[in-house]
Every structure is written in C-alpha cells, then in structure tokens.
Amino acid sequence: MEELLRFIVESLVEDKESIQISESQAENAVIYEVSVSDDDIGKIIGKNGKVAQAIRAILHSAGHKDNKKVIFKIKKA
C-alpha cells in the first residue's frame, strides 16, 4: 500500500526527492505520514482539501480488502 501512496504523491509533486513516507501500526490501523517540500504541500492538500480526501478514499478502499483501517496524515517537512 505504501507503493500505491508513493505513486500517487509522486504524480502530484514536482520535488520527488523530498517525499518521505513513514508507516506505523496502531491497533487495527495503519498510519501513513507523508512529508513533502513546502512548495508542494498545497498540491497534496488541494483546494478545500479535496485531493487529500481523494487520497484517503483510495487508501481506505485498498485497506478495506485487508480489513485494515488506513489513516493518512500530511506533515510539514
């Protein structure tokens, strides 16, 4: 699933070298934290958070088949 997230984020940003994705496990959940350059953070969030919501929906669907809750967070670099 991390590969899917990396593909989506790389498609959106210009500075592909600054992408950092960390994965952690919680009870019944997988948490992905994505960090990109300050110039690209708006592209990940999107207008009114629409892009971030779309990414969350894709990850939720991908995690649903494995019966896992997926949490997607964006953090500043």
C-alpha atoms as a PDB file:
ATOM      1  CA  MET A   1       0.000   0.000   0.000  1.00  0.00           C
ATOM      2  CA  GLU A   2       2.959   2.287   0.592  1.00  0.00           C
ATOM      3  CA  GLU A   3       3.886   1.840  -3.070  1.00  0.00           C
ATOM      4  CA  LEU A   4       0.412   3.000  -4.095  1.00  0.00           C
ATOM      5  CA  LEU A   5       0.686   6.057  -1.868  1.00  0.00           C
ATOM      6  CA  ARG A   6       4.164   6.872  -3.179  1.00  0.00           C
ATOM      7  CA  PHE A   7       2.911   6.610  -6.778  1.00  0.00           C
ATOM      8  CA  ILE A   8       0.023   8.996  -6.073  1.00  0.00           C
ATOM      9  CA  VAL A   9       2.195  11.539  -4.261  1.00  0.00           C
ATOM     10  CA  GLU A  10       4.956  11.413  -6.885  1.00  0.00           C
ATOM     11  CA  SER A  11       2.356  12.110  -9.549  1.00  0.00           C
ATOM     12  CA  LEU A  12       1.278  15.283  -7.769  1.00  0.00           C
ATOM     13  CA  VAL A  13       4.519  16.954  -6.660  1.00  0.00           C
ATOM     14  CA  GLU A  14       7.425  18.489  -8.531  1.00  0.00           C
ATOM     15  CA  ASP A  15      10.205  17.775  -5.994  1.00  0.00           C
ATOM     16  CA  LYS A  16      10.078  13.982  -5.892  1.00  0.00           C
ATOM     17  CA  GLU A  17      13.296  13.761  -3.871  1.00  0.00           C
ATOM     18  CA  SER A  18      11.723  15.437  -0.831  1.00  0.00           C
ATOM     19  CA  ILE A  19       8.961  12.836  -0.401  1.00  0.00           C
ATOM     20  CA  GLN A  20       9.138  10.964   2.876  1.00  0.00           C
ATOM     21  CA  ILE A  21       6.563   8.365   3.830  1.00  0.00           C
ATOM     22  CA  SER A  22       6.542   6.765   7.247  1.00  0.00           C
ATOM     23  CA  GLU A  23       4.356   3.844   8.222  1.00  0.00           C
ATOM     24  CA  SER A  24       3.348   2.925  11.745  1.00  0.00           C
ATOM     25  CA  GLN A  25       0.996   0.346  13.149  1.00  0.00           C
ATOM     26  CA  ALA A  26      -1.755   1.004  15.623  1.00  0.00           C
ATOM     27  CA  GLU A  27      -4.440  -1.309  16.892  1.00  0.00           C
ATOM     28  CA  ASN A  28      -6.421  -2.337  13.788  1.00  0.00           C
ATOM     29  CA  ALA A  29      -4.962   0.556  11.785  1.00  0.00           C
ATOM     30  CA  VAL A  30      -2.033   1.503   9.603  1.00  0.00           C
ATOM     31  CA  ILE A  31      -0.921   5.127   9.783  1.00  0.00           C
ATOM     32  CA  TYR A  32       0.888   6.740   6.858  1.00  0.00           C
ATOM     33  CA  GLU A  33       2.516  10.126   7.346  1.00  0.00           C
ATOM     34  CA  VAL A  34       3.624  11.927   4.203  1.00  0.00           C
ATOM     35  CA  SER A  35       6.085  14.790   4.189  1.00  0.00           C
ATOM     36  CA  VAL A  36       6.836  16.839   1.070  1.00  0.00           C
ATOM     37  CA  SER A  37       8.578  20.151   0.392  1.00  0.00           C
ATOM     38  CA  ASP A  38       6.818  23.348   1.442  1.00  0.00           C
ATOM     39  CA  ASP A  39       6.247  24.283  -2.205  1.00  0.00           C
ATOM     40  CA  ASP A  40       4.387  21.038  -2.893  1.00  0.00           C
ATOM     41  CA  ILE A  41       2.281  20.689   0.253  1.00  0.00           C
ATOM     42  CA  GLY A  42      -0.614  22.603  -1.299  1.00  0.00           C
ATOM     43  CA  LYS A  43      -0.716  20.149  -4.184  1.00  0.00           C
ATOM     44  CA  ILE A  44      -1.166  17.253  -1.768  1.00  0.00           C
ATOM     45  CA  ILE A  45      -3.889  19.021   0.204  1.00  0.00           C
ATOM     46  CA  GLY A  46      -5.697  20.515  -2.783  1.00  0.00           C
ATOM     47  CA  LYS A  47      -8.364  23.190  -2.832  1.00  0.00           C
ATOM     48  CA  ASN A  48     -10.541  22.800   0.271  1.00  0.00           C
ATOM     49  CA  GLY A  49      -8.731  19.520   0.996  1.00  0.00           C
ATOM     50  CA  LYS A  50     -10.257  17.719  -1.976  1.00  0.00           C
ATOM     51  CA  VAL A  51      -7.027  15.989  -3.081  1.00  0.00           C
ATOM     52  CA  ALA A  52      -6.267  14.797   0.459  1.00  0.00           C
ATOM     53  CA  GLN A  53      -9.824  13.461   0.762  1.00  0.00           C
ATOM     54  CA  ALA A  54      -9.435  11.606  -2.536  1.00  0.00           C
ATOM     55  CA  ILE A  55      -6.152  10.047  -1.390  1.00  0.00           C
ATOM     56  CA  ARG A  56      -7.809   8.980   1.867  1.00  0.00           C
ATOM     57  CA  ALA A  57     -10.683   7.406  -0.079  1.00  0.00           C
ATOM     58  CA  ILE A  58      -8.292   5.413  -2.282  1.00  0.00           C
ATOM     59  CA  LEU A  59      -6.282   4.195   0.713  1.00  0.00           C
ATOM     60  CA  HIS A  60      -9.469   3.341   2.591  1.00  0.00           C
ATOM     61  CA  SER A  61     -10.640   1.202  -0.319  1.00  0.00           C
ATOM     62  CA  ALA A  62      -7.263  -0.506  -0.630  1.00  0.00           C
ATOM     63  CA  GLY A  63      -7.152  -1.191   3.112  1.00  0.00           C
ATOM     64  CA  HIS A  64     -10.721  -2.453   3.207  1.00  0.00           C
ATOM     65  CA  LYS A  65      -9.859  -5.619   1.329  1.00  0.00           C
ATOM     66  CA  ASP A  66      -7.265  -6.423   4.040  1.00  0.00           C
ATOM     67  CA  ASN A  67      -9.701  -5.469   6.834  1.00  0.00           C
ATOM     68  CA  LYS A  68      -7.379  -2.665   7.952  1.00  0.00           C
ATOM     69  CA  LYS A  69      -8.195   0.920   8.746  1.00  0.00           C
ATOM     70  CA  VAL A  70      -5.818   3.275   6.975  1.00  0.00           C
ATOM     71  CA  ILE A  71      -5.044   6.738   8.326  1.00  0.00           C
ATOM     72  CA  PHE A  72      -3.356   9.282   6.045  1.00  0.00           C
ATOM     73  CA  LYS A  73      -1.622  12.304   7.560  1.00  0.00           C
ATOM     74  CA  ILE A  74       0.264  15.163   5.953  1.00  0.00           C
ATOM     75  CA  LYS A  75       3.046  16.798   7.897  1.00  0.00           C
ATOM     76  CA  LYS A  76       5.354  19.693   7.142  1.00  0.00           C
ATOM     77  CA  ALA A  77       8.949  18.898   6.267  1.00  0.00           C
END
